[in-house]
């Protein structure tokens, strides 16, 4: 017969779960490092995944067009579905072109994000930390310019590197979260068995 209290059992379960989270975070960091080390493979994988998702979305949109109450309402959905399928198949057939296209989208995102971040920073200017927001916005725009300057050559590596960096940061935050959960579980007092 187990003498373990329910509180101790919950604490042990929380510690095990936190350990699983830490392992998941470490695996994510390793995937990120691999993506940065072999950016072409990572970029191609992301491009092929986007291509498959586009084809699936196009098929769903085309099916929706046939389910519409009238052909007039469904014709636009039908053509958009066919176009989405075509773009997905094109990206699947030509992943380098797909990577270059995705890189253009990333460049546009970096420009827009950086500009809006700088504007937001100046709106909160008297508050602490507004300078870091300006710096972050300028860095985002600068990265966009760097990628745009070498485009389309950057399409071969940029997506893989950016996904890899994102995975590394995400993995690190997961590891930190798991460590914090483990520490919290250690600090929970357990009731003494009578």
N, C-alpha and C. Protein backbone atom coordinates (compact mmCIF):
# COMPACT_ATOMS: atom_id res chain seq x y z
N UNK A 1 0.85 -1.18 0.00
CA UNK A 1 0.00 0.00 0.00
C UNK A 1 0.89 1.24 0.00
N UNK A 2 0.59 2.19 -0.89
CA UNK A 2 1.40 3.39 -1.03
C UNK A 2 1.11 4.36 0.09
N UNK A 3 2.18 4.91 0.67
CA UNK A 3 2.02 5.92 1.73
C UNK A 3 2.15 7.33 1.16
N UNK A 4 2.22 7.44 -0.14
CA UNK A 4 2.38 8.75 -0.77
C UNK A 4 1.07 9.53 -0.68
N UNK A 5 1.18 10.77 -0.27
CA UNK A 5 0.00 11.62 -0.16
C UNK A 5 -0.42 12.11 -1.54
N UNK A 6 -1.69 12.52 -1.68
CA UNK A 6 -2.14 13.05 -2.98
C UNK A 6 -1.32 14.27 -3.41
N UNK A 7 -0.94 15.11 -2.46
CA UNK A 7 -0.15 16.31 -2.79
C UNK A 7 1.21 15.92 -3.36
N UNK A 8 1.82 14.90 -2.76
CA UNK A 8 3.13 14.44 -3.24
C UNK A 8 3.00 13.84 -4.63
N UNK A 9 1.91 13.12 -4.88
CA UNK A 9 1.69 12.51 -6.20
C UNK A 9 1.53 13.60 -7.26
N UNK A 10 0.76 14.65 -6.92
CA UNK A 10 0.57 15.76 -7.87
C UNK A 10 1.89 16.46 -8.12
N UNK A 11 2.68 16.67 -7.07
CA UNK A 11 3.98 17.32 -7.22
C UNK A 11 4.90 16.50 -8.12
N UNK A 12 4.92 15.18 -7.91
CA UNK A 12 5.76 14.32 -8.73
C UNK A 12 5.31 14.33 -10.20
N UNK A 13 4.00 14.33 -10.43
CA UNK A 13 3.46 14.40 -11.79
C UNK A 13 3.85 15.73 -12.45
N UNK A 14 3.78 16.82 -11.69
CA UNK A 14 4.16 18.14 -12.22
C UNK A 14 5.64 18.16 -12.58
N UNK A 15 6.48 17.54 -11.76
CA UNK A 15 7.91 17.50 -12.05
C UNK A 15 8.20 16.68 -13.32
N UNK A 16 7.48 15.56 -13.46
CA UNK A 16 7.66 14.75 -14.67
C UNK A 16 7.21 15.50 -15.91
N UNK A 17 6.07 16.19 -15.80
CA UNK A 17 5.57 16.98 -16.94
C UNK A 17 6.54 18.09 -17.29
N UNK A 18 7.10 18.74 -16.27
CA UNK A 18 8.08 19.81 -16.52
C UNK A 18 9.32 19.24 -17.21
N UNK A 19 9.72 18.02 -16.82
CA UNK A 19 10.86 17.38 -17.48
C UNK A 19 10.58 17.11 -18.95
N UNK A 20 9.35 16.69 -19.25
CA UNK A 20 8.95 16.46 -20.64
C UNK A 20 8.99 17.75 -21.44
N UNK A 21 8.54 18.85 -20.83
CA UNK A 21 8.56 20.15 -21.49
C UNK A 21 10.00 20.56 -21.79
N UNK A 22 10.92 20.34 -20.83
CA UNK A 22 12.33 20.68 -21.05
C UNK A 22 12.90 19.87 -22.21
N UNK A 23 12.59 18.57 -22.26
CA UNK A 23 13.08 17.72 -23.36
C UNK A 23 12.53 18.22 -24.69
N UNK A 24 11.25 18.59 -24.73
CA UNK A 24 10.65 19.14 -25.95
C UNK A 24 11.36 20.43 -26.37
N UNK A 25 11.67 21.28 -25.40
CA UNK A 25 12.40 22.52 -25.69
C UNK A 25 13.78 22.25 -26.26
N UNK A 26 14.48 21.29 -25.67
CA UNK A 26 15.83 20.95 -26.17
C UNK A 26 15.74 20.40 -27.59
N UNK A 27 14.74 19.56 -27.86
CA UNK A 27 14.55 19.03 -29.22
C UNK A 27 14.26 20.16 -30.20
N UNK A 28 13.49 21.15 -29.76
CA UNK A 28 13.19 22.30 -30.62
C UNK A 28 14.46 23.10 -30.91
N UNK A 29 15.30 23.29 -29.90
CA UNK A 29 16.57 24.00 -30.10
C UNK A 29 17.45 23.24 -31.08
N UNK A 30 17.52 21.92 -30.94
CA UNK A 30 18.34 21.11 -31.86
C UNK A 30 17.81 21.24 -33.29
N UNK A 31 16.48 21.21 -33.45
CA UNK A 31 15.89 21.39 -34.79
C UNK A 31 16.25 22.76 -35.34
N UNK A 32 16.23 23.78 -34.50
CA UNK A 32 16.60 25.12 -34.94
C UNK A 32 18.05 25.21 -35.37
N UNK A 33 18.94 24.59 -34.60
CA UNK A 33 20.37 24.60 -34.95
C UNK A 33 20.58 23.88 -36.28
N UNK A 34 19.89 22.75 -36.47
CA UNK A 34 20.00 22.04 -37.74
C UNK A 34 19.47 22.87 -38.90
N UNK A 35 18.38 23.60 -38.67
CA UNK A 35 17.82 24.45 -39.73
C UNK A 35 18.79 25.56 -40.10
N UNK A 36 19.47 26.14 -39.10
CA UNK A 36 20.45 27.18 -39.38
C UNK A 36 21.68 26.58 -40.07
N UNK A 37 22.07 25.37 -39.67
CA UNK A 37 23.25 24.73 -40.25
C UNK A 37 23.01 24.31 -41.70
N UNK A 38 21.79 23.90 -42.02
CA UNK A 38 21.44 23.45 -43.37
C UNK A 38 20.21 24.23 -43.82
N UNK A 39 20.37 25.54 -44.07
CA UNK A 39 19.19 26.38 -44.35
C UNK A 39 18.46 26.02 -45.64
N UNK A 40 19.18 25.52 -46.62
CA UNK A 40 18.52 25.17 -47.89
C UNK A 40 17.51 24.04 -47.67
N UNK A 41 17.91 23.02 -46.90
CA UNK A 41 17.01 21.89 -46.63
C UNK A 41 15.81 22.36 -45.82
N UNK A 42 16.07 23.19 -44.80
CA UNK A 42 14.97 23.70 -43.97
C UNK A 42 14.04 24.58 -44.79
N UNK A 43 14.61 25.44 -45.62
CA UNK A 43 13.79 26.31 -46.46
C UNK A 43 12.95 25.53 -47.45
N UNK A 44 13.55 24.49 -48.03
CA UNK A 44 12.81 23.65 -48.97
C UNK A 44 11.67 22.93 -48.25
N UNK A 45 11.93 22.46 -47.04
CA UNK A 45 10.89 21.78 -46.27
C UNK A 45 9.73 22.72 -45.97
N UNK A 46 10.04 23.94 -45.56
CA UNK A 46 8.98 24.92 -45.27
C UNK A 46 8.20 25.23 -46.54
N UNK A 47 8.90 25.40 -47.65
CA UNK A 47 8.24 25.70 -48.92
C UNK A 47 7.31 24.57 -49.34
N UNK A 48 7.77 23.33 -49.21
CA UNK A 48 6.93 22.19 -49.58
C UNK A 48 5.72 22.08 -48.66
N UNK A 49 5.90 22.38 -47.37
CA UNK A 49 4.77 22.36 -46.46
C UNK A 49 3.74 23.43 -46.84
N UNK A 50 4.22 24.63 -47.16
CA UNK A 50 3.31 25.70 -47.60
C UNK A 50 2.60 25.28 -48.88
N UNK A 51 3.32 24.63 -49.79
CA UNK A 51 2.71 24.18 -51.05
C UNK A 51 1.59 23.19 -50.79
N UNK A 52 1.82 22.23 -49.91
CA UNK A 52 0.79 21.24 -49.58
C UNK A 52 -0.42 21.92 -48.94
N UNK A 53 -0.17 22.87 -48.05
CA UNK A 53 -1.28 23.59 -47.40
C UNK A 53 -2.07 24.41 -48.41
N UNK A 54 -1.38 25.02 -49.38
CA UNK A 54 -2.09 25.78 -50.41
C UNK A 54 -2.97 24.87 -51.27
N UNK A 55 -2.45 23.71 -51.65
CA UNK A 55 -3.24 22.77 -52.45
C UNK A 55 -4.47 22.33 -51.66
N UNK A 56 -4.29 22.02 -50.37
CA UNK A 56 -5.43 21.60 -49.54
C UNK A 56 -6.45 22.73 -49.41
N UNK A 57 -5.98 23.95 -49.22
CA UNK A 57 -6.90 25.10 -49.11
C UNK A 57 -7.63 25.33 -50.43
N UNK A 58 -6.91 25.17 -51.54
CA UNK A 58 -7.54 25.34 -52.85
C UNK A 58 -8.60 24.29 -53.11
N UNK A 59 -8.34 23.06 -52.72
CA UNK A 59 -9.34 22.00 -52.89
C UNK A 59 -10.57 22.31 -52.04
N UNK A 60 -10.34 22.74 -50.80
CA UNK A 60 -11.47 23.08 -49.93
C UNK A 60 -12.28 24.23 -50.51
N UNK A 61 -11.62 25.23 -51.04
CA UNK A 61 -12.32 26.39 -51.61
C UNK A 61 -13.10 25.98 -52.86
N UNK A 62 -12.54 25.09 -53.66
CA UNK A 62 -13.22 24.62 -54.87
C UNK A 62 -14.45 23.80 -54.50
N UNK A 63 -14.33 22.95 -53.49
CA UNK A 63 -15.48 22.17 -53.03
C UNK A 63 -16.56 23.12 -52.51
N UNK A 64 -16.15 24.16 -51.76
CA UNK A 64 -17.11 25.14 -51.26
C UNK A 64 -17.85 25.81 -52.42
N UNK A 65 -17.14 26.06 -53.53
CA UNK A 65 -17.78 26.72 -54.67
C UNK A 65 -18.94 25.88 -55.20
N UNK A 66 -18.79 24.56 -55.20
CA UNK A 66 -19.85 23.70 -55.70
C UNK A 66 -20.99 23.57 -54.69
N UNK A 67 -20.71 23.86 -53.43
CA UNK A 67 -21.74 23.80 -52.39
C UNK A 67 -22.50 25.11 -52.28
N UNK A 68 -22.04 26.17 -52.95
CA UNK A 68 -22.70 27.48 -52.87
C UNK A 68 -24.12 27.37 -53.43
N UNK A 69 -24.99 28.25 -52.95
CA UNK A 69 -26.40 28.18 -53.34
C UNK A 69 -26.62 28.43 -54.84
N UNK A 70 -25.78 29.26 -55.44
CA UNK A 70 -25.92 29.50 -56.88
C UNK A 70 -24.53 29.59 -57.49
N UNK A 71 -24.45 29.32 -58.77
CA UNK A 71 -23.15 29.36 -59.43
C UNK A 71 -22.59 30.78 -59.42
N UNK A 72 -23.45 31.78 -59.45
CA UNK A 72 -22.99 33.18 -59.41
C UNK A 72 -22.21 33.48 -58.15
N UNK A 73 -22.69 33.01 -57.01
CA UNK A 73 -21.97 33.24 -55.74
C UNK A 73 -20.72 32.39 -55.64
N UNK A 74 -20.76 31.24 -56.27
CA UNK A 74 -19.65 30.30 -56.14
C UNK A 74 -18.57 30.44 -57.18
N UNK A 75 -18.78 31.23 -58.23
CA UNK A 75 -17.79 31.29 -59.31
C UNK A 75 -16.47 31.92 -58.84
N UNK A 76 -16.55 32.96 -58.03
CA UNK A 76 -15.32 33.58 -57.54
C UNK A 76 -14.57 32.61 -56.63
N UNK A 77 -15.29 31.92 -55.75
CA UNK A 77 -14.66 30.92 -54.88
C UNK A 77 -14.03 29.81 -55.71
N UNK A 78 -14.69 29.42 -56.80
CA UNK A 78 -14.15 28.37 -57.67
C UNK A 78 -12.84 28.81 -58.30
N UNK A 79 -12.82 30.02 -58.89
CA UNK A 79 -11.60 30.50 -59.53
C UNK A 79 -10.47 30.73 -58.53
N UNK A 80 -10.80 31.24 -57.34
CA UNK A 80 -9.78 31.40 -56.31
C UNK A 80 -9.25 30.05 -55.84
N UNK A 81 -10.12 29.06 -55.75
CA UNK A 81 -9.70 27.72 -55.38
C UNK A 81 -8.75 27.12 -56.41
N UNK A 82 -9.11 27.26 -57.69
CA UNK A 82 -8.25 26.75 -58.77
C UNK A 82 -6.91 27.47 -58.77
N UNK A 83 -6.93 28.80 -58.58
CA UNK A 83 -5.69 29.58 -58.52
C UNK A 83 -4.83 29.14 -57.34
N UNK A 84 -5.44 28.90 -56.19
CA UNK A 84 -4.70 28.46 -55.01
C UNK A 84 -4.07 27.09 -55.24
N UNK A 85 -4.82 26.18 -55.85
CA UNK A 85 -4.27 24.86 -56.18
C UNK A 85 -3.09 25.01 -57.14
N UNK A 86 -3.26 25.85 -58.16
CA UNK A 86 -2.20 26.06 -59.15
C UNK A 86 -0.93 26.60 -58.49
N UNK A 87 -1.07 27.59 -57.62
CA UNK A 87 0.09 28.18 -56.95
C UNK A 87 0.77 27.14 -56.05
N UNK A 88 -0.04 26.35 -55.33
CA UNK A 88 0.52 25.29 -54.49
C UNK A 88 1.29 24.26 -55.30
N UNK A 89 0.71 23.84 -56.42
CA UNK A 89 1.40 22.86 -57.27
C UNK A 89 2.67 23.45 -57.89
N UNK A 90 2.61 24.73 -58.26
CA UNK A 90 3.79 25.40 -58.81
C UNK A 90 4.91 25.48 -57.76
N UNK A 91 4.55 25.82 -56.53
CA UNK A 91 5.55 25.86 -55.46
C UNK A 91 6.11 24.47 -55.20
N UNK A 92 5.26 23.46 -55.29
CA UNK A 92 5.71 22.09 -55.07
C UNK A 92 6.66 21.65 -56.18
N UNK A 93 6.34 22.03 -57.43
CA UNK A 93 7.17 21.64 -58.57
C UNK A 93 8.47 22.44 -58.63
N UNK A 94 8.44 23.70 -58.18
CA UNK A 94 9.60 24.57 -58.22
C UNK A 94 9.84 25.19 -56.84
N UNK A 95 10.40 24.38 -55.91
CA UNK A 95 10.56 24.89 -54.55
C UNK A 95 11.51 26.09 -54.44
N UNK A 96 12.50 26.20 -55.35
CA UNK A 96 13.40 27.36 -55.30
C UNK A 96 12.63 28.65 -55.59
N UNK A 97 11.75 28.59 -56.57
CA UNK A 97 10.93 29.75 -56.86
C UNK A 97 9.99 30.04 -55.68
N UNK A 98 9.49 28.98 -55.07
CA UNK A 98 8.64 29.15 -53.89
C UNK A 98 9.39 29.79 -52.74
N UNK A 99 10.65 29.37 -52.53
CA UNK A 99 11.45 29.98 -51.47
C UNK A 99 11.71 31.45 -51.76
N UNK A 100 11.96 31.77 -53.01
CA UNK A 100 12.19 33.17 -53.37
C UNK A 100 10.92 33.99 -53.12
N UNK A 101 9.77 33.42 -53.43
CA UNK A 101 8.50 34.11 -53.19
C UNK A 101 8.25 34.29 -51.71
N UNK A 102 8.48 33.23 -50.92
CA UNK A 102 8.31 33.35 -49.48
C UNK A 102 9.28 34.38 -48.89
N UNK A 103 10.49 34.44 -49.44
CA UNK A 103 11.46 35.44 -48.97
C UNK A 103 10.95 36.84 -49.25
N UNK A 104 10.33 37.05 -50.40
CA UNK A 104 9.73 38.36 -50.69
C UNK A 104 8.65 38.72 -49.67
N UNK A 105 7.85 37.74 -49.31
CA UNK A 105 6.82 37.99 -48.29
C UNK A 105 7.46 38.33 -46.95
N UNK A 106 8.53 37.64 -46.60
CA UNK A 106 9.24 37.93 -45.34
C UNK A 106 9.83 39.34 -45.39
N UNK A 107 10.39 39.72 -46.53
CA UNK A 107 10.96 41.07 -46.68
C UNK A 107 9.87 42.12 -46.46
N UNK A 108 8.72 41.91 -47.10
CA UNK A 108 7.61 42.84 -46.91
C UNK A 108 7.15 42.90 -45.47
N UNK A 109 7.10 41.74 -44.83
CA UNK A 109 6.71 41.70 -43.41
C UNK A 109 7.72 42.46 -42.55
N UNK A 110 9.01 42.26 -42.79
CA UNK A 110 10.03 42.95 -41.99
C UNK A 110 9.93 44.46 -42.14
N UNK A 111 9.72 44.93 -43.37
CA UNK A 111 9.56 46.37 -43.58
C UNK A 111 8.35 46.90 -42.82
N UNK A 112 7.20 46.25 -43.02
CA UNK A 112 5.96 46.72 -42.39
C UNK A 112 6.07 46.65 -40.87
N UNK A 113 6.56 45.53 -40.36
CA UNK A 113 6.69 45.36 -38.91
C UNK A 113 7.62 46.41 -38.31
N UNK A 114 8.75 46.63 -38.96
CA UNK A 114 9.71 47.61 -38.45
C UNK A 114 9.16 49.02 -38.44
N UNK A 115 8.50 49.41 -39.52
CA UNK A 115 7.94 50.76 -39.61
C UNK A 115 6.87 50.96 -38.56
N UNK A 116 5.96 49.99 -38.42
CA UNK A 116 4.89 50.13 -37.42
C UNK A 116 5.44 50.10 -35.99
N UNK A 117 6.50 49.34 -35.77
CA UNK A 117 7.10 49.30 -34.43
C UNK A 117 7.73 50.64 -34.08
N UNK A 118 8.40 51.29 -35.05
CA UNK A 118 8.99 52.60 -34.80
C UNK A 118 7.89 53.62 -34.52
N UNK A 119 6.81 53.59 -35.29
CA UNK A 119 5.69 54.51 -35.08
C UNK A 119 5.09 54.31 -33.69
N UNK A 120 4.88 53.04 -33.33
CA UNK A 120 4.32 52.73 -32.01
C UNK A 120 5.26 53.20 -30.90
N UNK A 121 6.56 53.06 -31.11
CA UNK A 121 7.53 53.48 -30.10
C UNK A 121 7.46 54.98 -29.87
N UNK A 122 7.36 55.76 -30.94
CA UNK A 122 7.30 57.22 -30.78
C UNK A 122 5.98 57.65 -30.14
N UNK A 123 4.94 56.84 -30.29
CA UNK A 123 3.67 57.17 -29.64
C UNK A 123 3.75 56.93 -28.13
N UNK A 124 4.63 56.02 -27.70
CA UNK A 124 4.78 55.77 -26.27
C UNK A 124 6.08 56.38 -25.73
N UNK A 125 6.63 57.36 -26.43
CA UNK A 125 7.94 57.92 -26.15
C UNK A 125 8.25 58.20 -24.68
N UNK A 126 7.41 58.78 -23.90
CA UNK A 126 7.85 59.03 -22.53
C UNK A 126 7.98 57.77 -21.67
N UNK A 127 7.37 56.67 -22.08
CA UNK A 127 7.42 55.45 -21.28
C UNK A 127 8.77 54.76 -21.40
N UNK A 128 9.12 54.05 -20.34
CA UNK A 128 10.38 53.32 -20.31
C UNK A 128 10.36 52.21 -21.36
N UNK A 129 11.45 52.06 -22.08
CA UNK A 129 11.58 51.00 -23.08
C UNK A 129 11.24 51.42 -24.50
N UNK A 130 10.81 52.66 -24.71
CA UNK A 130 10.44 53.07 -26.06
C UNK A 130 11.65 53.06 -26.99
N UNK A 131 12.82 53.34 -26.45
CA UNK A 131 14.05 53.33 -27.25
C UNK A 131 14.37 51.95 -27.80
N UNK A 132 14.13 50.92 -26.98
CA UNK A 132 14.37 49.55 -27.45
C UNK A 132 13.40 49.18 -28.57
N UNK A 133 12.18 49.69 -28.48
CA UNK A 133 11.22 49.44 -29.57
C UNK A 133 11.69 50.10 -30.86
N UNK A 134 12.23 51.32 -30.77
CA UNK A 134 12.76 52.00 -31.96
C UNK A 134 13.91 51.18 -32.53
N UNK A 135 14.81 50.73 -31.65
CA UNK A 135 15.95 49.92 -32.09
C UNK A 135 15.48 48.64 -32.78
N UNK A 136 14.49 47.97 -32.18
CA UNK A 136 13.96 46.73 -32.76
C UNK A 136 13.34 46.99 -34.13
N UNK A 137 12.58 48.09 -34.25
CA UNK A 137 11.97 48.43 -35.53
C UNK A 137 13.00 48.73 -36.60
N UNK A 138 14.03 49.50 -36.23
CA UNK A 138 15.09 49.82 -37.19
C UNK A 138 15.84 48.56 -37.59
N UNK A 139 16.08 47.66 -36.65
CA UNK A 139 16.76 46.40 -36.96
C UNK A 139 15.93 45.56 -37.92
N UNK A 140 14.61 45.56 -37.73
CA UNK A 140 13.72 44.82 -38.62
C UNK A 140 13.78 45.37 -40.04
N UNK A 141 13.73 46.69 -40.18
CA UNK A 141 13.82 47.32 -41.50
C UNK A 141 15.18 47.05 -42.12
N UNK A 142 16.24 47.13 -41.32
CA UNK A 142 17.60 46.88 -41.84
C UNK A 142 17.73 45.45 -42.34
N UNK A 143 17.17 44.50 -41.59
CA UNK A 143 17.20 43.10 -42.04
C UNK A 143 16.42 42.94 -43.34
N UNK A 144 15.29 43.63 -43.45
CA UNK A 144 14.52 43.61 -44.69
C UNK A 144 15.34 44.13 -45.87
N UNK A 145 16.08 45.24 -45.64
CA UNK A 145 16.94 45.79 -46.70
C UNK A 145 18.05 44.81 -47.07
N UNK A 146 18.65 44.17 -46.07
CA UNK A 146 19.72 43.21 -46.34
C UNK A 146 19.21 42.05 -47.20
N UNK A 147 18.03 41.53 -46.86
CA UNK A 147 17.47 40.43 -47.64
C UNK A 147 17.06 40.88 -49.04
N UNK A 148 16.50 42.09 -49.13
CA UNK A 148 16.07 42.61 -50.44
C UNK A 148 17.25 42.88 -51.35
N UNK A 149 18.36 43.34 -50.78
CA UNK A 149 19.53 43.69 -51.57
C UNK A 149 20.09 42.48 -52.32
N UNK A 150 20.06 41.32 -51.69
CA UNK A 150 20.61 40.11 -52.31
C UNK A 150 19.54 39.20 -52.92
N UNK A 151 18.28 39.67 -52.92
CA UNK A 151 17.22 38.84 -53.47
C UNK A 151 17.40 38.70 -54.97
N UNK A 152 17.18 37.58 -55.61
CA UNK A 152 16.54 36.35 -55.16
C UNK A 152 17.49 35.33 -54.55
N UNK A 153 18.80 35.64 -54.52
CA UNK A 153 19.76 34.68 -53.96
C UNK A 153 19.44 34.37 -52.50
N UNK A 154 18.90 35.36 -51.76
CA UNK A 154 18.58 35.12 -50.35
C UNK A 154 17.47 34.09 -50.18
N UNK A 155 16.69 33.86 -51.23
CA UNK A 155 15.61 32.88 -51.15
C UNK A 155 16.12 31.48 -50.87
N UNK A 156 17.36 31.19 -51.25
CA UNK A 156 17.92 29.85 -51.05
C UNK A 156 18.27 29.57 -49.60
N UNK A 157 18.46 30.61 -48.78
CA UNK A 157 18.87 30.36 -47.40
C UNK A 157 18.06 31.12 -46.35
N UNK A 158 17.43 32.22 -46.71
CA UNK A 158 16.80 33.08 -45.70
C UNK A 158 15.69 32.38 -44.94
N UNK A 159 14.80 31.68 -45.63
CA UNK A 159 13.68 31.04 -44.95
C UNK A 159 14.19 30.01 -43.95
N UNK A 160 15.14 29.19 -44.36
CA UNK A 160 15.69 28.17 -43.44
C UNK A 160 16.37 28.78 -42.23
N UNK A 161 17.15 29.85 -42.44
CA UNK A 161 17.83 30.50 -41.32
C UNK A 161 16.82 31.14 -40.38
N UNK A 162 15.85 31.86 -40.94
CA UNK A 162 14.86 32.53 -40.11
C UNK A 162 14.01 31.52 -39.33
N UNK A 163 13.62 30.43 -39.97
CA UNK A 163 12.87 29.39 -39.25
C UNK A 163 13.75 28.78 -38.17
N UNK A 164 15.02 28.55 -38.48
CA UNK A 164 15.94 27.98 -37.49
C UNK A 164 16.11 28.89 -36.28
N UNK A 165 16.30 30.19 -36.53
CA UNK A 165 16.45 31.14 -35.42
C UNK A 165 15.18 31.16 -34.59
N UNK A 166 14.04 31.15 -35.25
CA UNK A 166 12.76 31.14 -34.52
C UNK A 166 12.64 29.88 -33.68
N UNK A 167 13.04 28.74 -34.21
CA UNK A 167 12.98 27.49 -33.44
C UNK A 167 13.91 27.53 -32.24
N UNK A 168 15.09 28.11 -32.41
CA UNK A 168 16.04 28.21 -31.28
C UNK A 168 15.44 29.06 -30.17
N UNK A 169 14.92 30.23 -30.50
CA UNK A 169 14.32 31.10 -29.48
C UNK A 169 13.10 30.44 -28.84
N UNK A 170 12.28 29.80 -29.67
CA UNK A 170 11.10 29.12 -29.16
C UNK A 170 11.50 27.98 -28.23
N UNK A 171 12.49 27.20 -28.63
CA UNK A 171 12.98 26.10 -27.79
C UNK A 171 13.53 26.59 -26.47
N UNK A 172 14.27 27.71 -26.52
CA UNK A 172 14.83 28.25 -25.29
C UNK A 172 13.71 28.70 -24.34
N UNK A 173 12.68 29.32 -24.88
CA UNK A 173 11.57 29.75 -24.01
C UNK A 173 10.83 28.54 -23.45
N UNK A 174 10.73 27.46 -24.22
CA UNK A 174 10.08 26.24 -23.72
C UNK A 174 10.91 25.62 -22.59
N UNK A 175 12.24 25.59 -22.77
CA UNK A 175 13.12 25.07 -21.72
C UNK A 175 12.99 25.91 -20.46
N UNK A 176 12.96 27.23 -20.62
CA UNK A 176 12.82 28.12 -19.47
C UNK A 176 11.50 27.88 -18.76
N UNK A 177 10.43 27.72 -19.53
CA UNK A 177 9.12 27.45 -18.96
C UNK A 177 9.11 26.14 -18.20
N UNK A 178 9.71 25.11 -18.78
CA UNK A 178 9.79 23.82 -18.10
C UNK A 178 10.60 23.89 -16.82
N UNK A 179 11.71 24.64 -16.85
CA UNK A 179 12.52 24.81 -15.64
C UNK A 179 11.76 25.56 -14.55
N UNK A 180 11.01 26.57 -14.96
CA UNK A 180 10.21 27.33 -13.99
C UNK A 180 9.12 26.45 -13.39
N UNK A 181 8.51 25.60 -14.21
CA UNK A 181 7.47 24.70 -13.71
C UNK A 181 8.06 23.68 -12.73
N UNK A 182 9.25 23.20 -13.04
CA UNK A 182 9.91 22.25 -12.13
C UNK A 182 10.24 22.92 -10.80
N UNK A 183 10.75 24.15 -10.87
CA UNK A 183 11.06 24.88 -9.63
C UNK A 183 9.80 25.13 -8.81
N UNK A 184 8.73 25.49 -9.50
CA UNK A 184 7.46 25.72 -8.80
C UNK A 184 6.96 24.45 -8.13
N UNK A 185 7.13 23.31 -8.80
CA UNK A 185 6.69 22.03 -8.23
C UNK A 185 7.54 21.68 -7.01
N UNK A 186 8.82 22.01 -7.04
CA UNK A 186 9.69 21.74 -5.89
C UNK A 186 9.32 22.60 -4.69
N UNK A 187 8.78 23.79 -4.93
CA UNK A 187 8.47 24.70 -3.84
C UNK A 187 7.11 24.44 -3.21
N UNK A 188 6.28 23.60 -3.84
CA UNK A 188 4.97 23.29 -3.28
C UNK A 188 5.17 22.41 -2.06
N UNK A 189 4.67 22.84 -0.90
CA UNK A 189 4.85 22.00 0.30
C UNK A 189 3.96 20.75 0.22
N UNK A 190 4.48 19.68 0.75
CA UNK A 190 3.69 18.46 0.78
C UNK A 190 3.23 18.21 2.21
N UNK A 191 2.04 17.66 2.32
CA UNK A 191 1.51 17.36 3.65
C UNK A 191 2.23 16.12 4.20
N UNK A 192 2.52 16.14 5.43
CA UNK A 192 3.18 15.00 6.08
C UNK A 192 2.16 13.92 6.35
N UNK A 193 2.54 12.71 6.08
CA UNK A 193 1.64 11.59 6.37
C UNK A 193 1.55 11.39 7.88
N UNK A 194 0.36 11.15 8.34
CA UNK A 194 0.17 11.02 9.79
C UNK A 194 0.57 9.63 10.23
